[in-house]
Protein backbone atom coordinates (compact mmCIF):
# COMPACT_ATOMS: atom_id res chain seq x y z
CA MET A 1 24.17 -50.18 61.42
CA ALA A 2 20.39 -50.58 61.81
CA LYS A 3 18.95 -54.03 62.42
CA LEU A 4 18.23 -55.97 59.26
CA SER A 5 14.61 -56.20 58.14
CA LEU A 6 12.45 -56.23 55.02
CA THR A 7 11.60 -52.58 55.63
CA LYS A 8 15.26 -51.57 55.58
CA TYR A 9 15.81 -52.88 52.05
CA LEU A 10 12.48 -51.67 50.70
CA LYS A 11 13.44 -48.15 51.79
CA GLN A 12 17.02 -48.48 50.59
CA PHE A 13 15.89 -49.39 47.07
CA TRP A 14 12.68 -47.38 47.00
CA ARG A 15 13.04 -46.32 43.37
CA ALA A 16 13.28 -49.91 42.10
CA ASN A 17 10.43 -50.97 44.37
CA LEU A 18 8.31 -48.00 43.27
CA LEU A 19 8.57 -49.23 39.68
CA VAL A 20 7.49 -52.69 40.83
CA LEU A 21 4.57 -51.09 42.67
CA PHE A 22 3.55 -49.23 39.51
CA TRP A 23 3.33 -52.42 37.47
CA THR A 24 1.57 -54.16 40.36
CA LEU A 25 -1.03 -51.38 40.33
CA ILE A 26 -1.51 -51.80 36.58
CA GLY A 27 -1.97 -55.55 37.05
CA ALA A 28 -4.58 -55.06 39.77
CA LEU A 29 -6.51 -52.56 37.60
CA CYS A 30 -6.45 -54.99 34.66
CA LEU A 31 -7.71 -57.84 36.83
CA THR A 32 -10.62 -55.92 38.34
CA GLY A 33 -11.37 -54.15 35.07
CA ASN A 34 -11.68 -57.56 33.43
CA GLY A 35 -14.40 -58.58 35.87
CA LEU A 36 -16.26 -55.26 35.60
CA ALA A 37 -16.20 -55.37 31.80
CA SER A 38 -17.53 -58.94 31.78
CA ALA A 39 -20.38 -58.00 34.14
CA ASN A 40 -21.35 -54.99 32.03
CA ILE A 41 -21.26 -57.05 28.84
CA LEU A 42 -23.76 -59.50 30.43
CA THR A 43 -26.02 -56.66 31.61
CA ALA A 44 -25.95 -55.05 28.16
CA LEU A 45 -26.76 -58.32 26.38
CA VAL A 46 -29.69 -59.11 28.70
CA ALA A 47 -30.99 -55.57 28.10
CA GLY A 48 -30.58 -56.05 24.33
CA ASN A 49 -28.04 -53.23 24.04
CA THR A 50 -25.62 -54.65 21.47
CA HIS A 51 -23.64 -51.46 20.97
CA ARG A 52 -22.95 -51.19 24.71
CA ALA A 53 -21.92 -54.85 24.81
CA ILE A 54 -19.46 -54.30 21.92
CA ALA A 55 -18.05 -51.20 23.60
CA TRP A 56 -17.35 -53.09 26.81
CA GLY A 57 -15.94 -55.97 24.77
CA THR A 58 -13.46 -53.54 23.21
CA VAL A 59 -12.51 -52.33 26.70
CA LEU A 60 -12.03 -55.94 27.78
CA LEU A 61 -9.71 -56.61 24.82
CA GLY A 62 -7.61 -53.52 25.59
CA LEU A 63 -7.32 -54.48 29.26
CA ASN A 64 -6.12 -57.97 28.37
CA LEU A 65 -3.48 -56.60 25.99
CA LEU A 66 -2.28 -54.19 28.69
CA TRP A 67 -2.28 -57.05 31.16
CA SER A 68 0.06 -59.12 28.96
CA VAL A 69 2.49 -56.18 28.81
CA GLU A 70 2.27 -55.75 32.59
CA LEU A 71 3.13 -59.40 33.25
CA GLY A 72 6.44 -59.12 31.38
CA ALA A 73 7.35 -55.69 32.74
CA TYR A 74 6.54 -56.73 36.32
CA LYS A 75 8.78 -59.82 36.08
CA ILE A 76 11.73 -57.78 34.81
CA SER A 77 11.37 -54.92 37.30
CA TYR A 78 10.75 -57.21 40.26
CA THR A 79 13.74 -59.44 39.51
CA LYS A 80 16.01 -56.39 39.32
CA ALA A 81 14.68 -55.01 42.61
CA GLU A 82 14.90 -58.37 44.38
CA GLN A 83 18.48 -58.94 43.30
CA GLN A 84 19.53 -55.44 44.37
CA MET A 85 18.03 -56.06 47.80
CA SER A 86 19.58 -59.52 48.06
CA ILE A 87 23.05 -58.21 47.18
CA ALA A 88 22.70 -55.48 49.82
CA MET A 89 21.44 -58.00 52.37
CA ARG A 90 24.42 -60.31 51.83
CA SER A 91 26.74 -57.31 52.14
CA ASP A 92 25.11 -56.35 55.44
CA ILE A 93 25.28 -59.92 56.74
CA ILE A 94 28.98 -60.03 55.88
CA ALA A 95 29.47 -56.66 57.61
CA GLY A 96 27.79 -58.05 60.72
CA ILE A 97 29.81 -61.27 60.61
CA THR A 98 33.14 -59.53 60.15
CA GLY A 99 32.55 -56.20 61.87
CA ASN A 100 32.42 -57.23 65.52
CA GLY A 101 35.95 -58.41 66.05
CA TYR A 102 37.87 -61.65 66.07
CA ALA A 103 36.14 -63.31 69.04
CA ALA A 104 32.64 -62.54 67.79
CA PHE A 105 33.43 -63.96 64.35
CA HIS A 106 34.56 -67.28 65.83
CA LYS A 107 31.41 -67.80 67.89
CA GLN A 108 29.94 -69.51 64.81
CA ASP A 109 31.65 -71.81 62.36
CA MET A 110 32.01 -71.19 58.63
CA ARG A 111 29.23 -73.61 57.73
CA THR A 112 26.70 -71.56 59.68
CA TYR A 113 27.76 -68.40 57.88
CA VAL A 114 27.51 -70.15 54.51
CA SER A 115 23.98 -71.26 55.40
CA TRP A 116 23.04 -67.69 56.33
CA LEU A 117 24.31 -66.34 53.02
CA THR A 118 22.68 -69.05 50.90
CA ASN A 119 19.73 -70.85 52.49
CA ASP A 120 18.54 -68.00 54.69
CA VAL A 121 18.83 -65.34 51.99
CA THR A 122 16.86 -67.60 49.64
CA ASN A 123 14.19 -68.10 52.32
CA ILE A 124 13.94 -64.35 52.83
CA GLN A 125 13.57 -63.89 49.07
CA ASP A 126 10.81 -66.50 48.91
CA LEU A 127 8.95 -65.78 52.17
CA GLY A 128 9.77 -62.08 52.37
CA PHE A 129 10.25 -60.14 49.15
CA ASP A 130 8.28 -62.48 46.86
CA ILE A 131 5.32 -62.78 49.18
CA LEU A 132 5.33 -59.07 50.06
CA MET A 133 4.95 -58.07 46.43
CA PHE A 134 2.23 -60.68 46.00
CA VAL A 135 0.43 -59.32 49.08
CA VAL A 136 0.61 -55.77 47.67
CA GLN A 137 -0.98 -57.01 44.45
CA GLN A 138 -3.65 -58.86 46.42
CA VAL A 139 -4.44 -55.85 48.61
CA LEU A 140 -4.78 -53.52 45.63
CA THR A 141 -6.99 -56.00 43.80
CA VAL A 142 -9.19 -56.50 46.88
CA ILE A 143 -9.57 -52.71 47.30
CA PHE A 144 -10.60 -52.24 43.67
CA SER A 145 -12.90 -55.29 43.83
CA VAL A 146 -14.65 -54.04 46.97
CA GLY A 147 -15.13 -50.65 45.30
CA ILE A 148 -16.83 -52.31 42.35
CA MET A 149 -19.05 -54.40 44.64
CA VAL A 150 -20.13 -51.24 46.49
CA HIS A 151 -20.93 -49.75 43.07
CA PHE A 152 -23.56 -52.45 42.65
CA HIS A 153 -24.98 -52.19 46.23
CA TYR A 154 -23.63 -50.87 49.56
CA SER A 155 -24.95 -53.83 51.56
CA LEU A 156 -22.42 -56.09 49.87
CA LEU A 157 -19.65 -54.09 51.60
CA ILE A 158 -21.15 -54.79 55.04
CA THR A 159 -21.30 -58.53 54.41
CA ILE A 160 -17.76 -58.60 53.03
CA ALA A 161 -16.42 -56.63 56.03
CA ILE A 162 -17.95 -59.09 58.53
CA LEU A 163 -16.55 -62.10 56.68
CA VAL A 164 -13.10 -60.47 56.42
CA VAL A 165 -12.92 -60.04 60.21
CA VAL A 166 -13.71 -63.74 60.64
CA MET A 167 -11.01 -64.73 58.14
CA ILE A 168 -8.34 -62.54 59.76
CA GLY A 169 -9.12 -64.03 63.17
CA VAL A 170 -8.67 -67.54 61.80
CA ALA A 171 -5.32 -66.65 60.23
CA LYS A 172 -3.94 -65.00 63.39
CA SER A 173 -4.43 -68.16 65.38
CA PHE A 174 -1.64 -69.82 63.36
CA GLY A 175 0.96 -67.04 63.62
CA ASN A 176 3.16 -68.42 66.40
CA ARG A 177 3.14 -71.94 64.98
CA LEU A 178 4.41 -70.69 61.62
CA ASN A 179 7.10 -68.52 63.24
CA ASP A 180 8.43 -71.43 65.29
CA ALA A 181 8.30 -73.82 62.34
CA SER A 182 10.12 -71.32 60.07
CA ALA A 183 12.90 -70.82 62.63
CA ALA A 184 13.24 -74.60 62.94
CA VAL A 185 13.61 -74.98 59.15
CA SER A 186 16.27 -72.27 59.09
CA HIS A 187 18.23 -74.06 61.82
CA GLY A 188 17.81 -77.35 59.96
CA ASN A 189 19.39 -75.78 56.87
CA GLU A 190 22.37 -74.74 59.00
CA LEU A 191 22.72 -78.27 60.42
CA LEU A 192 22.58 -79.81 56.94
CA THR A 193 25.24 -77.42 55.63
CA ARG A 194 27.49 -78.21 58.59
CA ALA A 195 27.01 -81.96 58.29
CA VAL A 196 27.68 -82.09 54.54
CA THR A 197 30.69 -79.77 54.74
CA ASP A 198 32.15 -81.72 57.64
CA ILE A 199 31.74 -85.19 56.17
CA LEU A 200 32.97 -84.18 52.69
CA GLY A 201 35.99 -82.56 54.29
CA GLY A 202 36.96 -86.00 55.58
CA PHE A 203 36.79 -87.69 52.17
CA ASP A 204 40.49 -88.58 52.03
CA THR A 205 40.42 -90.20 55.47
CA LEU A 206 37.24 -92.14 54.74
CA PHE A 207 38.53 -93.19 51.32
CA MET A 208 41.70 -94.69 52.76
CA LEU A 209 39.77 -96.46 55.54
CA GLY A 210 37.10 -97.82 53.21
CA ARG A 211 34.36 -95.86 54.99
CA LEU A 212 32.96 -93.74 52.14
CA PRO A 213 29.38 -94.95 52.89
CA LEU A 214 29.54 -92.70 55.97
CA ILE A 215 29.24 -89.69 53.64
CA GLY A 216 25.89 -90.89 52.33
CA ALA A 217 24.70 -91.90 55.79
CA ALA A 218 25.58 -88.52 57.35
CA THR A 219 23.97 -86.64 54.45
CA GLN A 220 20.79 -88.73 54.69
CA ARG A 221 20.61 -88.27 58.46
CA ALA A 222 20.84 -84.47 58.19
CA SER A 223 18.48 -84.47 55.20
CA ARG A 224 15.87 -86.46 57.12
CA ASP A 225 16.11 -84.00 60.01
CA LEU A 226 15.58 -81.07 57.62
CA ALA A 227 12.72 -82.92 55.93
CA ALA A 228 11.03 -83.46 59.30
CA ARG A 229 11.33 -79.75 60.07
CA LYS A 230 9.94 -78.80 56.65
CA ASN A 231 7.10 -81.27 57.11
CA ARG A 232 6.21 -79.64 60.43
CA TYR A 233 6.19 -76.26 58.70
CA ALA A 234 4.06 -77.69 55.88
CA ARG A 235 1.55 -79.10 58.41
CA ALA A 236 1.18 -75.73 60.12
CA ASP A 237 0.95 -73.94 56.77
CA GLY A 238 -1.41 -76.59 55.38
CA HIS A 239 -3.78 -76.35 58.34
CA LEU A 240 -3.80 -72.57 57.94
CA MET A 241 -4.45 -72.75 54.21
CA GLY A 242 -7.13 -75.40 54.57
CA LEU A 243 -9.08 -73.51 57.23
CA THR A 244 -8.80 -70.08 55.59
CA ASN A 245 -9.74 -71.52 52.18
CA GLY A 246 -12.77 -73.15 53.77
CA VAL A 247 -13.85 -69.81 55.22
CA SER A 248 -13.18 -68.20 51.82
CA LEU A 249 -15.37 -70.64 49.90
CA VAL A 250 -18.27 -70.25 52.34
CA SER A 251 -17.90 -66.45 52.16
CA GLN A 252 -18.06 -66.49 48.36
CA VAL A 253 -21.29 -68.45 48.43
CA ILE A 254 -22.81 -66.02 50.94
CA VAL A 255 -21.96 -62.96 48.81
CA LEU A 256 -23.22 -64.67 45.64
CA LEU A 257 -26.55 -65.51 47.31
CA GLN A 258 -26.86 -61.95 48.58
CA ALA A 259 -26.30 -60.60 45.03
CA ALA A 260 -28.96 -62.97 43.69
CA ILE A 261 -31.44 -61.79 46.34
CA LEU A 262 -30.67 -58.13 45.52
CA TYR A 263 -31.31 -58.85 41.82
CA ALA A 264 -34.56 -60.61 42.63
CA MET A 265 -35.59 -57.49 44.59
CA HIS A 266 -34.71 -55.35 41.50
CA LEU A 267 -32.02 -53.53 43.50
CA THR A 268 -29.14 -54.50 41.18
CA PRO A 269 -28.78 -55.41 37.47
CA VAL A 270 -28.26 -58.99 36.41
CA GLY A 271 -24.58 -58.24 35.86
CA ALA A 272 -24.25 -57.89 39.64
CA ILE A 273 -24.65 -61.67 39.96
CA SER A 274 -21.76 -62.24 37.54
CA ALA A 275 -19.75 -59.54 39.32
CA ALA A 276 -20.49 -61.09 42.71
CA ALA A 277 -19.26 -64.50 41.53
CA TYR A 278 -16.12 -62.98 40.01
CA PHE A 279 -15.23 -60.42 42.64
CA SER A 280 -16.24 -62.40 45.73
CA GLY A 281 -13.99 -65.17 44.45
CA THR A 282 -11.22 -62.63 43.93
CA ILE A 283 -11.76 -60.87 47.26
CA PHE A 284 -11.92 -63.94 49.48
CA SER A 285 -9.35 -66.05 47.67
CA TYR A 286 -6.98 -63.09 47.84
CA LEU A 287 -7.84 -62.41 51.47
CA THR A 288 -7.11 -66.06 52.14
CA GLY A 289 -3.74 -65.57 50.50
CA ILE A 290 -3.14 -62.28 52.30
CA SER A 291 -3.86 -63.78 55.71
CA ALA A 292 -1.63 -66.78 55.13
CA ASN A 293 1.06 -64.76 53.39
CA ILE A 294 1.29 -62.21 56.19
CA MET A 295 1.81 -65.07 58.63
CA GLU A 296 4.55 -66.43 56.35
CA MET A 297 6.15 -62.99 56.09
CA ARG A 298 6.24 -62.73 59.87
CA ALA A 299 8.13 -66.01 59.87
CA VAL A 300 11.01 -64.19 58.13
CA GLN A 301 11.73 -62.05 61.19
CA PRO A 302 13.28 -64.87 63.26
CA ILE A 303 15.73 -65.37 60.37
CA PHE A 304 16.69 -61.68 60.37
CA ALA A 305 17.04 -61.82 64.16
CA LYS A 306 19.92 -64.31 63.83
CA PHE A 307 22.09 -61.94 61.85
CA PRO A 308 24.56 -59.83 63.85
CA VAL A 309 24.79 -56.09 63.31
CA SER A 310 28.19 -54.54 62.83
CA ALA A 311 29.24 -52.69 65.98
CA PRO A 312 33.04 -52.60 66.29
CA ALA A 313 34.40 -52.44 69.83
CA ALA A 314 35.75 -49.14 71.06
CA THR A 315 39.29 -50.55 71.02
CA GLU A 316 38.92 -51.18 67.29
CA GLN A 317 37.85 -47.63 66.53
CA ALA A 318 40.11 -45.48 68.68
CA GLY A 319 43.40 -45.68 70.48
CA VAL A 320 47.02 -44.63 70.48
CA GLN A 321 48.71 -44.53 67.07
CA MET A 322 52.00 -46.45 67.26
CA GLN A 323 55.37 -46.02 65.60
CA PRO A 324 57.39 -49.06 64.52
CA LEU A 325 58.61 -51.16 67.44
CA ARG A 326 61.73 -49.52 68.89
CA THR A 327 62.36 -51.27 72.22
CA ASN A 328 60.25 -54.35 73.03
CA LEU A 329 57.03 -56.23 73.51
CA ALA A 330 56.63 -56.92 77.23
CA LEU A 331 54.37 -59.28 79.17
CA THR A 332 53.91 -58.72 82.90
CA ASP A 333 52.26 -61.33 85.15
CA VAL A 334 50.06 -62.47 82.26
CA ALA A 335 47.53 -65.25 82.87
CA TYR A 336 45.05 -66.88 80.54
CA ALA A 337 42.22 -69.36 81.07
CA TYR A 338 39.83 -70.72 78.47
CA PRO A 339 36.15 -69.83 78.92
CA ASP A 340 34.28 -72.12 81.33
CA THR A 341 37.52 -73.45 82.82
CA LYS A 342 38.83 -72.69 86.29
CA THR A 343 42.44 -73.73 85.83
CA PRO A 344 44.51 -71.19 83.87
CA THR A 345 46.50 -72.37 80.86
CA PHE A 346 49.39 -70.37 82.25
CA SER A 347 49.78 -67.61 84.83
CA ASN A 348 52.31 -65.07 86.14
CA LEU A 349 54.07 -65.04 82.76
CA THR A 350 56.58 -62.22 82.53
CA THR A 351 58.94 -61.90 79.58
CA VAL A 352 60.33 -59.40 77.10
CA PHE A 353 60.81 -59.69 73.33
CA ARG A 354 63.28 -57.09 72.08
CA ALA A 355 62.75 -55.26 68.80
CA SER A 356 64.28 -57.09 65.80
CA GLY A 357 65.01 -60.11 68.01
CA LYS A 358 64.38 -63.71 66.98
CA TYR A 359 62.60 -65.89 69.55
CA ALA A 360 61.11 -69.35 69.92
CA ILE A 361 58.28 -70.44 72.21
CA THR A 362 58.51 -74.09 73.21
CA GLY A 363 56.68 -76.46 75.51
CA GLU A 364 54.54 -79.56 75.50
CA SER A 365 51.25 -79.75 73.60
CA GLY A 366 48.33 -77.90 75.21
CA ILE A 367 50.56 -75.74 77.39
CA GLY A 368 49.41 -72.49 75.70
CA LYS A 369 52.04 -71.70 73.06
CA THR A 370 49.52 -70.72 70.40
CA THR A 371 47.50 -68.84 73.01
CA LEU A 372 50.58 -66.78 73.84
CA LEU A 373 50.95 -65.83 70.16
CA ARG A 374 47.28 -64.82 70.02
CA LEU A 375 47.75 -62.66 73.11
CA LEU A 376 50.73 -60.96 71.49
CA ALA A 377 48.65 -60.44 68.32
CA GLY A 378 45.92 -58.77 70.39
CA ILE A 379 43.16 -61.13 69.20
CA THR A 380 42.85 -62.85 72.59
CA GLN A 381 42.69 -61.03 75.92
CA PRO A 382 44.44 -62.15 79.14
CA VAL A 383 42.44 -62.76 82.31
CA ALA A 384 45.19 -61.07 84.33
CA GLY A 385 48.39 -59.11 83.79
CA SER A 386 49.29 -56.79 80.94
CA LEU A 387 51.00 -56.62 77.56
CA ALA A 388 52.84 -53.54 76.32
CA PHE A 389 54.13 -52.31 72.96
CA ASP A 390 57.13 -50.04 73.58
CA GLY A 391 55.73 -49.39 77.05
CA THR A 392 52.17 -48.63 75.88
CA ASP A 393 49.55 -50.99 77.28
CA TYR A 394 47.74 -53.02 74.61
CA GLY A 395 44.43 -51.76 76.02
CA GLN A 396 45.28 -48.24 74.89
CA ILE A 397 46.14 -49.23 71.32
CA ALA A 398 43.51 -49.51 68.58
CA GLY A 399 43.12 -53.08 67.37
CA ALA A 400 43.62 -52.01 63.76
CA GLU A 401 46.86 -50.27 64.74
CA LEU A 402 48.22 -53.45 66.34
CA ARG A 403 47.40 -55.42 63.22
CA ARG A 404 49.17 -52.80 61.11
CA ARG A 405 52.38 -53.64 62.98
CA ILE A 406 51.94 -57.31 63.86
CA ALA A 407 51.51 -60.33 61.58
CA TYR A 408 50.02 -63.52 63.00
CA ILE A 409 50.57 -66.46 60.66
CA GLU A 410 48.81 -69.67 61.58
CA GLN A 411 50.21 -73.17 61.15
CA ASN A 412 48.23 -73.63 57.93
CA PRO A 413 48.07 -70.17 56.31
CA TYR A 414 45.05 -69.75 54.07
CA ILE A 415 45.53 -69.62 50.32
CA PHE A 416 42.65 -68.27 48.25
CA ALA A 417 41.46 -69.69 44.93
CA ASP A 418 43.01 -66.81 43.00
CA THR A 419 46.30 -65.82 41.40
CA LEU A 420 49.54 -65.79 43.33
CA LEU A 421 49.59 -62.01 42.89
CA GLN A 422 46.16 -61.59 44.45
CA ASN A 423 47.09 -63.96 47.28
CA VAL A 424 49.94 -61.62 48.20
CA THR A 425 48.33 -58.23 47.51
CA LEU A 426 44.76 -59.18 48.57
CA GLY A 427 43.52 -56.38 46.36
CA ASP A 428 45.88 -53.69 47.67
CA ASP A 429 48.13 -51.75 45.32
CA PHE A 430 51.87 -52.41 45.48
CA THR A 431 54.61 -51.62 43.01
CA GLN A 432 56.38 -54.46 41.28
CA GLU A 433 59.51 -53.41 43.12
CA GLN A 434 57.75 -53.82 46.49
CA LEU A 435 56.44 -57.24 45.49
CA ASP A 436 59.79 -58.45 44.22
CA HIS A 437 61.55 -57.23 47.37
CA ALA A 438 59.09 -59.01 49.69
CA ALA A 439 59.35 -62.17 47.59
CA ALA A 440 63.16 -62.08 47.67
CA GLN A 441 63.16 -61.67 51.48
CA VAL A 442 61.45 -65.04 51.98
CA GLY A 443 62.58 -67.00 48.91
CA LEU A 444 59.25 -66.62 47.10
CA ASP A 445 61.08 -65.19 44.10
CA VAL A 446 62.37 -68.68 43.31
CA VAL A 447 58.82 -70.03 43.49
CA VAL A 448 57.54 -67.28 41.18
CA ALA A 449 60.23 -68.08 38.63
CA ASP A 450 59.29 -71.78 38.65
CA LEU A 451 55.54 -71.29 38.29
CA PRO A 452 54.15 -71.51 34.73
CA ASP A 453 52.57 -68.03 34.76
CA GLY A 454 54.69 -66.40 37.44
CA TRP A 455 52.73 -63.97 39.58
CA GLN A 456 49.61 -64.65 37.49
CA THR A 457 49.59 -68.39 38.23
CA GLN A 458 46.17 -69.51 39.43
CA LEU A 459 46.29 -71.17 42.86
CA ASP A 460 43.77 -73.68 44.14
CA ALA A 461 41.71 -73.07 47.27
CA GLY A 462 43.89 -73.94 50.24
CA GLY A 463 46.97 -73.84 48.02
CA THR A 464 46.76 -77.53 47.16
CA ASN A 465 48.93 -76.94 44.08
CA LEU A 466 51.73 -75.55 46.28
CA SER A 467 54.03 -77.32 48.72
CA GLY A 468 53.85 -76.56 52.44
CA GLY A 469 57.00 -74.49 52.25
CA GLN A 470 55.68 -72.51 49.29
CA ARG A 471 52.42 -71.76 51.13
CA ALA A 472 54.42 -70.52 54.12
CA ARG A 473 56.47 -68.21 51.88
CA VAL A 474 53.31 -66.78 50.30
CA ALA A 475 51.96 -66.01 53.79
CA LEU A 476 55.25 -64.40 54.83
CA ALA A 477 55.41 -62.29 51.66
CA ARG A 478 51.82 -61.01 52.01
CA ASN A 479 52.74 -59.65 55.45
CA LEU A 480 56.21 -58.31 54.68
CA VAL A 481 55.02 -56.39 51.62
CA ARG A 482 52.73 -54.49 54.01
CA GLY A 483 55.64 -53.50 56.19
CA LYS A 484 54.77 -55.72 59.16
CA GLU A 485 57.75 -55.55 61.50
CA ILE A 486 56.62 -58.22 63.98
CA LEU A 487 56.04 -61.81 62.79
CA LEU A 488 54.19 -64.23 65.07
CA LEU A 489 54.53 -67.69 63.53
CA ASP A 490 52.65 -70.76 64.73
CA GLU A 491 54.60 -73.92 63.87
CA PRO A 492 55.78 -72.59 60.47
CA THR A 493 57.62 -75.83 59.66
CA ALA A 494 55.07 -78.34 60.97
CA ALA A 495 54.22 -79.76 57.53
CA LEU A 496 57.75 -79.73 56.12
CA ASP A 497 60.49 -82.32 55.89
CA LYS A 498 63.64 -81.71 57.93
CA ALA A 499 65.67 -80.13 55.13
CA SER A 500 62.83 -77.87 53.94
CA ALA A 501 62.04 -76.91 57.53
CA GLN A 502 65.60 -75.85 58.25
CA GLN A 503 65.75 -73.90 55.01
CA LEU A 504 62.58 -71.98 55.89
CA ILE A 505 63.74 -71.33 59.46
CA ASP A 506 67.06 -70.00 58.16
CA THR A 507 65.12 -67.65 55.89
CA ILE A 508 62.91 -66.43 58.74
CA VAL A 509 65.76 -66.00 61.24
CA GLY A 510 67.76 -64.15 58.60
CA LEU A 511 65.14 -61.41 58.15
CA THR A 512 66.63 -58.05 59.15
CA GLY A 513 64.71 -55.34 60.99
CA VAL A 514 61.91 -57.79 61.81
CA THR A 515 60.95 -59.16 65.23
CA VAL A 516 60.22 -62.90 64.96
CA ILE A 517 58.43 -64.93 67.63
CA MET A 518 57.66 -68.48 66.58
CA VAL A 519 56.07 -71.47 68.21
CA THR A 520 57.82 -74.78 67.66
CA HIS A 521 57.72 -78.31 68.99
CA HIS A 522 61.06 -79.24 67.48
CA LEU A 523 63.84 -76.72 68.04
CA SER A 524 67.09 -77.91 66.51
CA PRO A 525 70.42 -76.95 68.12
CA THR A 526 71.33 -75.20 64.87
CA THR A 527 68.27 -72.97 65.05
CA ALA A 528 68.55 -72.42 68.81
CA ALA A 529 72.04 -71.05 68.36
CA LYS A 530 70.72 -68.36 66.00
CA LEU A 531 67.96 -67.11 68.33
CA ASP A 532 68.03 -64.22 70.76
CA GLY A 533 65.89 -66.06 73.28
CA ILE A 534 63.73 -69.10 73.99
CA VAL A 535 60.57 -68.98 76.11
CA THR A 536 59.69 -72.40 77.48
CA LEU A 537 56.17 -72.75 78.86
CA ALA A 538 55.66 -75.29 81.61
CA LYS A 539 52.91 -76.18 84.07
């Protein structure tokens, strides 16, 4: 995928943007035509030519009516184009976030991604698309205005050109300051999103401890930081606008005086003075806007630069296609160490998990039990040793192929704010028979029968309207219905009472034709007796 930029989306939706450009052109013609008609009306009246004045007045009326139509049509066409581009941009950001593998996704937290998709997209709309279309209108209007000024006398073009060079030079001097300030505001939005999400997530804890004022304090602290960043941007932008507007006002006076001198020398009609006042104001005020707006548009690029581009690793795209597990999963001299640590979590680990066997991984906290599951799932890589699926090294197997065979279910499986059916199917098509069979395997059929709307029952985000055991059964069913033959379970009973935990474990251990490897802190003698093996990690 190409790097994200304004140009990419303008090209992608060129038809919609071409319609916007058409109405922008009409608006620029109406604006400059208005000034020309007014100047010619004045010239005709001074010359005593009433009929000519009325004719130009009629032209002026027609232009204004067309202008009113253009304003409405431009708004509609631009909004459609902007929303098409914004939808595509969010899709590309999501593709970049999710398309580079498990490790790349977890380099940022969810709050940063939310900020990208909300705050940053809004900033790009405001500082990128909105301003670009405004700049196009300004450029067209300036071109038409300069043409009309040349119509009155060529020397006006020379003066305008010199003053434009001065104005552009002034604007360029602020470019880097605006870029840096824009990037700082974008980062401040991320920090605010993180802070608010984090502190609100702890509401229950703060409520019970009588510390709810911390929510307001944390929000205010992050808000003040963002305000300071926005104020720095406003200072840079304000200095730019103040200086360029000062140059613009001086330039307008110079052109107006030149037009008056040309009239006094009988080189232009009296209407040229009116035209000079109108069009010099248009030209230099618009050039002021163009200079500042281009600097603001450049400030969008650091935002685009943050977004990753989807580039799946070679192991995700190609590799050996695997059949269902027939013999075993084998680890040979496997070692793992967390980044930036010298001491390995574990090393020289060699073990075998036979197909359709039921296994437990035990050991004290922090010993690497969850890490071992992640290694078996192929989402974490060992620093030494090898893992094999029926004798085939993991490195030779496509990541997608591993995930087609292996289910990794975390301690708190995620439940989406959707129906129970959608939480199991996740948009894939399954027959009712397949769904019912998967549900019956893990006892979810009983849950479905008890829910008010069965499979169509709406679940809350995180599954807050389900018990811990019910959430676990939903997660198991969504994997079994897809034919996953290897279940890697991280503390599946951690949030359950003893009776519910044993009931769920009995269900899991009783699954036929499925390899089960589960992490547990509390392995009862009853469960241990039903297992084919126990791997105990120790320092």
